[in-house]
Amino acid sequence: MQDIEEPQESHNKIPKGWLLFFFAAVLFIVGYIALYTPAISGWSFYHRFEKEMAAAAGTQKPATIKNYSGDREAIREGKELFASTCAPCHKADATGGIGPNLTGTLKYGSTEQDIYDSIAKGRPNGMPSFLGQMGAEKISKVIAFLETLRKQ
């Protein structure tokens, strides 16, 4: 004989809002997986990114190198740009520090175009691209300054 009643769950139903939320979450997850899993739908962020980059590359015009050889004002600006942007790695006199010596023979070529490509696009193992930061005109001024160091 038990006179003590213990609370029991006598088949309480789950609230309809919770049940609706549960099924909506399951449908969302299944739909998301079906739409955005590359093995199932073929969708990939990388394909979309490559299309956007190709479209952007088609709209950009190629940068032209300006020749500032002998232009004292451009060489002065190039020296200032070199001191603020390049000197931390190549030293103020361009004799090399973390980066290589820029007054001697250069690994990737010594022509204006080669130096421009190195600065604008960067090089493997440490040289970042500076085209976005400096622009073609400022890079051309840095090249004019480097020419004065290479002639000394």
C-alpha atoms as a PDB file:
ATOM      1  CA  MET A   1       0.000   0.000   0.000  1.00  0.00           C
ATOM      2  CA  GLN A   2       1.480   3.298  -1.120  1.00  0.00           C
ATOM      3  CA  ASP A   3      -0.125   6.466  -0.011  1.00  0.00           C
ATOM      4  CA  ILE A   4       2.728   8.664  -1.211  1.00  0.00           C
ATOM      5  CA  GLU A   5       2.059  10.061  -4.621  1.00  0.00           C
ATOM      6  CA  GLU A   6       5.097  10.841  -6.712  1.00  0.00           C
ATOM      7  CA  PRO A   7       4.820  13.335  -9.490  1.00  0.00           C
ATOM      8  CA  GLN A   8       4.626  11.587 -12.856  1.00  0.00           C
ATOM      9  CA  GLU A   9       4.776  12.748 -16.425  1.00  0.00           C
ATOM     10  CA  SER A  10       1.435  11.361 -17.434  1.00  0.00           C
ATOM     11  CA  HIS A  11       1.999  11.681 -21.197  1.00  0.00           C
ATOM     12  CA  ASN A  12       2.364  15.475 -21.428  1.00  0.00           C
ATOM     13  CA  LYS A  13       2.540  16.674 -25.022  1.00  0.00           C
ATOM     14  CA  ILE A  14       5.354  18.877 -26.278  1.00  0.00           C
ATOM     15  CA  PRO A  15       4.211  22.455 -26.928  1.00  0.00           C
ATOM     16  CA  LYS A  16       3.266  23.006 -30.596  1.00  0.00           C
ATOM     17  CA  GLY A  17       5.673  25.948 -30.946  1.00  0.00           C
ATOM     18  CA  TRP A  18       8.624  23.768 -29.952  1.00  0.00           C
ATOM     19  CA  LEU A  19       7.511  21.006 -32.292  1.00  0.00           C
ATOM     20  CA  LEU A  20       7.172  23.506 -35.162  1.00  0.00           C
ATOM     21  CA  PHE A  21      10.639  24.928 -34.394  1.00  0.00           C
ATOM     22  CA  PHE A  22      12.170  21.447 -34.370  1.00  0.00           C
ATOM     23  CA  PHE A  23      10.736  20.495 -37.776  1.00  0.00           C
ATOM     24  CA  ALA A  24      11.638  23.878 -39.278  1.00  0.00           C
ATOM     25  CA  ALA A  25      15.227  23.478 -38.052  1.00  0.00           C
ATOM     26  CA  VAL A  26      15.442  19.983 -39.533  1.00  0.00           C
ATOM     27  CA  LEU A  27      14.093  21.208 -42.888  1.00  0.00           C
ATOM     28  CA  PHE A  28      16.520  24.144 -42.893  1.00  0.00           C
ATOM     29  CA  ILE A  29      19.516  21.918 -42.167  1.00  0.00           C
ATOM     30  CA  VAL A  30      18.565  19.381 -44.846  1.00  0.00           C
ATOM     31  CA  GLY A  31      17.988  22.160 -47.383  1.00  0.00           C
ATOM     32  CA  TYR A  32      21.242  23.912 -46.516  1.00  0.00           C
ATOM     33  CA  ILE A  33      23.223  20.710 -46.871  1.00  0.00           C
ATOM     34  CA  ALA A  34      21.534  19.911 -50.188  1.00  0.00           C
ATOM     35  CA  LEU A  35      22.186  23.384 -51.617  1.00  0.00           C
ATOM     36  CA  TYR A  36      25.667  24.165 -50.351  1.00  0.00           C
ATOM     37  CA  THR A  37      27.521  20.853 -50.197  1.00  0.00           C
ATOM     38  CA  PRO A  38      29.700  20.703 -53.317  1.00  0.00           C
ATOM     39  CA  ALA A  39      29.446  16.917 -53.573  1.00  0.00           C
ATOM     40  CA  ILE A  40      25.649  17.140 -53.756  1.00  0.00           C
ATOM     41  CA  SER A  41      24.844  20.372 -55.582  1.00  0.00           C
ATOM     42  CA  GLY A  42      28.173  21.219 -57.206  1.00  0.00           C
ATOM     43  CA  TRP A  43      28.064  24.734 -55.713  1.00  0.00           C
ATOM     44  CA  SER A  44      31.377  26.101 -54.530  1.00  0.00           C
ATOM     45  CA  PHE A  45      32.420  29.489 -53.258  1.00  0.00           C
ATOM     46  CA  TYR A  46      35.673  29.087 -55.147  1.00  0.00           C
ATOM     47  CA  HIS A  47      33.919  28.887 -58.532  1.00  0.00           C
ATOM     48  CA  ARG A  48      31.976  32.044 -57.753  1.00  0.00           C
ATOM     49  CA  PHE A  49      35.125  33.791 -56.510  1.00  0.00           C
ATOM     50  CA  GLU A  50      37.067  32.836 -59.646  1.00  0.00           C
ATOM     51  CA  LYS A  51      34.277  34.216 -61.860  1.00  0.00           C
ATOM     52  CA  GLU A  52      34.274  37.511 -59.934  1.00  0.00           C
ATOM     53  CA  MET A  53      38.061  37.784 -60.125  1.00  0.00           C
ATOM     54  CA  ALA A  54      38.049  37.071 -63.871  1.00  0.00           C
ATOM     55  CA  ALA A  55      35.412  39.749 -64.387  1.00  0.00           C
ATOM     56  CA  ALA A  56      37.400  42.234 -62.309  1.00  0.00           C
ATOM     57  CA  ALA A  57      40.613  41.440 -64.172  1.00  0.00           C
ATOM     58  CA  GLY A  58      38.865  42.154 -67.453  1.00  0.00           C
ATOM     59  CA  THR A  59      37.841  45.631 -66.317  1.00  0.00           C
ATOM     60  CA  GLN A  60      41.261  46.700 -65.056  1.00  0.00           C
ATOM     61  CA  LYS A  61      43.622  48.357 -67.456  1.00  0.00           C
ATOM     62  CA  PRO A  62      47.277  47.382 -67.218  1.00  0.00           C
ATOM     63  CA  ALA A  63      49.425  49.798 -65.259  1.00  0.00           C
ATOM     64  CA  THR A  64      52.105  51.589 -67.205  1.00  0.00           C
ATOM     65  CA  ILE A  65      55.513  52.323 -65.827  1.00  0.00           C
ATOM     66  CA  LYS A  66      56.412  55.980 -65.957  1.00  0.00           C
ATOM     67  CA  ASN A  67      60.052  56.827 -66.490  1.00  0.00           C
ATOM     68  CA  TYR A  68      61.187  59.310 -63.873  1.00  0.00           C
ATOM     69  CA  SER A  69      64.935  58.974 -64.525  1.00  0.00           C
ATOM     70  CA  GLY A  70      66.626  62.277 -63.775  1.00  0.00           C
ATOM     71  CA  ASP A  71      63.480  63.902 -62.337  1.00  0.00           C
ATOM     72  CA  ARG A  72      64.776  65.222 -59.002  1.00  0.00           C
ATOM     73  CA  GLU A  73      61.330  65.740 -57.487  1.00  0.00           C
ATOM     74  CA  ALA A  74      60.205  62.212 -58.373  1.00  0.00           C
ATOM     75  CA  ILE A  75      63.460  60.759 -57.030  1.00  0.00           C
ATOM     76  CA  ARG A  76      62.984  62.681 -53.770  1.00  0.00           C
ATOM     77  CA  GLU A  77      59.430  61.331 -53.451  1.00  0.00           C
ATOM     78  CA  GLY A  78      60.715  57.865 -54.320  1.00  0.00           C
ATOM     79  CA  LYS A  79      63.300  58.143 -51.548  1.00  0.00           C
ATOM     80  CA  GLU A  80      60.585  59.088 -49.035  1.00  0.00           C
ATOM     81  CA  LEU A  81      58.388  56.223 -50.196  1.00  0.00           C
ATOM     82  CA  PHE A  82      61.313  53.830 -49.997  1.00  0.00           C
ATOM     83  CA  ALA A  83      62.135  55.001 -46.474  1.00  0.00           C
ATOM     84  CA  SER A  84      58.583  54.478 -45.239  1.00  0.00           C
ATOM     85  CA  THR A  85      57.641  51.333 -47.149  1.00  0.00           C
ATOM     86  CA  CYS A  86      60.750  49.424 -48.224  1.00  0.00           C
ATOM     87  CA  ALA A  87      63.471  50.362 -45.725  1.00  0.00           C
ATOM     88  CA  PRO A  88      62.164  48.154 -42.900  1.00  0.00           C
ATOM     89  CA  CYS A  89      63.201  45.106 -44.933  1.00  0.00           C
ATOM     90  CA  HIS A  90      65.881  46.447 -47.308  1.00  0.00           C
ATOM     91  CA  LYS A  91      67.508  49.089 -45.013  1.00  0.00           C
ATOM     92  CA  ALA A  92      67.491  52.816 -45.786  1.00  0.00           C
ATOM     93  CA  ASP A  93      70.498  52.507 -48.104  1.00  0.00           C
ATOM     94  CA  ALA A  94      68.982  49.428 -49.872  1.00  0.00           C
ATOM     95  CA  THR A  95      71.953  47.219 -48.963  1.00  0.00           C
ATOM     96  CA  GLY A  96      69.671  44.498 -47.639  1.00  0.00           C
ATOM     97  CA  GLY A  97      68.451  43.376 -44.284  1.00  0.00           C
ATOM     98  CA  ILE A  98      65.582  40.947 -44.142  1.00  0.00           C
ATOM     99  CA  GLY A  99      65.142  41.560 -47.864  1.00  0.00           C
ATOM    100  CA  PRO A 100      67.951  41.309 -50.433  1.00  0.00           C
ATOM    101  CA  ASN A 101      70.485  43.941 -51.432  1.00  0.00           C
ATOM    102  CA  LEU A 102      68.923  46.162 -54.100  1.00  0.00           C
ATOM    103  CA  THR A 103      72.124  47.919 -55.151  1.00  0.00           C
ATOM    104  CA  GLY A 104      73.736  44.867 -56.755  1.00  0.00           C
ATOM    105  CA  THR A 105      72.590  42.129 -59.096  1.00  0.00           C
ATOM    106  CA  LEU A 106      68.925  41.347 -58.589  1.00  0.00           C
ATOM    107  CA  LYS A 107      67.601  37.791 -58.595  1.00  0.00           C
ATOM    108  CA  TYR A 108      64.503  38.531 -60.703  1.00  0.00           C
ATOM    109  CA  GLY A 109      66.108  40.965 -63.138  1.00  0.00           C
ATOM    110  CA  SER A 110      67.341  44.548 -63.125  1.00  0.00           C
ATOM    111  CA  THR A 111      65.247  46.179 -65.835  1.00  0.00           C
ATOM    112  CA  GLU A 112      62.569  48.702 -64.907  1.00  0.00           C
ATOM    113  CA  GLN A 113      59.874  46.188 -65.840  1.00  0.00           C
ATOM    114  CA  ASP A 114      61.450  43.450 -63.695  1.00  0.00           C
ATOM    115  CA  ILE A 115      61.747  45.735 -60.680  1.00  0.00           C
ATOM    116  CA  TYR A 116      58.213  47.000 -61.232  1.00  0.00           C
ATOM    117  CA  ASP A 117      56.876  43.430 -61.351  1.00  0.00           C
ATOM    118  CA  SER A 118      58.749  42.564 -58.159  1.00  0.00           C
ATOM    119  CA  ILE A 119      57.297  45.525 -56.276  1.00  0.00           C
ATOM    120  CA  ALA A 120      53.803  45.427 -57.776  1.00  0.00           C
ATOM    121  CA  LYS A 121      53.156  41.686 -57.727  1.00  0.00           C
ATOM    122  CA  GLY A 122      55.526  40.580 -54.983  1.00  0.00           C
ATOM    123  CA  ARG A 123      57.820  37.566 -55.021  1.00  0.00           C
ATOM    124  CA  PRO A 124      57.751  34.191 -53.260  1.00  0.00           C
ATOM    125  CA  ASN A 125      59.252  33.807 -49.787  1.00  0.00           C
ATOM    126  CA  GLY A 126      58.617  37.205 -48.307  1.00  0.00           C
ATOM    127  CA  MET A 127      58.133  40.020 -50.819  1.00  0.00           C
ATOM    128  CA  PRO A 128      54.476  41.123 -50.627  1.00  0.00           C
ATOM    129  CA  SER A 129      52.600  42.883 -53.399  1.00  0.00           C
ATOM    130  CA  PHE A 130      52.574  46.679 -53.065  1.00  0.00           C
ATOM    131  CA  LEU A 131      50.496  47.624 -56.130  1.00  0.00           C
ATOM    132  CA  GLY A 132      47.319  48.051 -54.112  1.00  0.00           C
ATOM    133  CA  GLN A 133      49.073  50.026 -51.408  1.00  0.00           C
ATOM    134  CA  MET A 134      51.267  52.292 -53.531  1.00  0.00           C
ATOM    135  CA  GLY A 135      49.895  52.362 -57.057  1.00  0.00           C
ATOM    136  CA  ALA A 136      51.814  52.388 -60.345  1.00  0.00           C
ATOM    137  CA  GLU A 137      52.995  55.999 -60.168  1.00  0.00           C
ATOM    138  CA  LYS A 138      54.544  55.713 -56.711  1.00  0.00           C
ATOM    139  CA  ILE A 139      56.208  52.420 -57.639  1.00  0.00           C
ATOM    140  CA  SER A 140      57.728  54.161 -60.677  1.00  0.00           C
ATOM    141  CA  LYS A 141      59.131  56.854 -58.375  1.00  0.00           C
ATOM    142  CA  VAL A 142      60.660  54.225 -56.086  1.00  0.00           C
ATOM    143  CA  ILE A 143      62.252  52.620 -59.162  1.00  0.00           C
ATOM    144  CA  ALA A 144      63.730  56.013 -60.136  1.00  0.00           C
ATOM    145  CA  PHE A 145      65.211  56.301 -56.638  1.00  0.00           C
ATOM    146  CA  LEU A 146      66.620  52.764 -56.835  1.00  0.00           C
ATOM    147  CA  GLU A 147      68.262  53.616 -60.147  1.00  0.00           C
ATOM    148  CA  THR A 148      70.199  56.408 -58.465  1.00  0.00           C
ATOM    149  CA  LEU A 149      71.456  53.948 -55.842  1.00  0.00           C
ATOM    150  CA  ARG A 150      72.452  51.393 -58.449  1.00  0.00           C
ATOM    151  CA  LYS A 151      74.460  53.991 -60.467  1.00  0.00           C
ATOM    152  CA  GLN A 152      76.583  54.967 -57.462  1.00  0.00           C
END
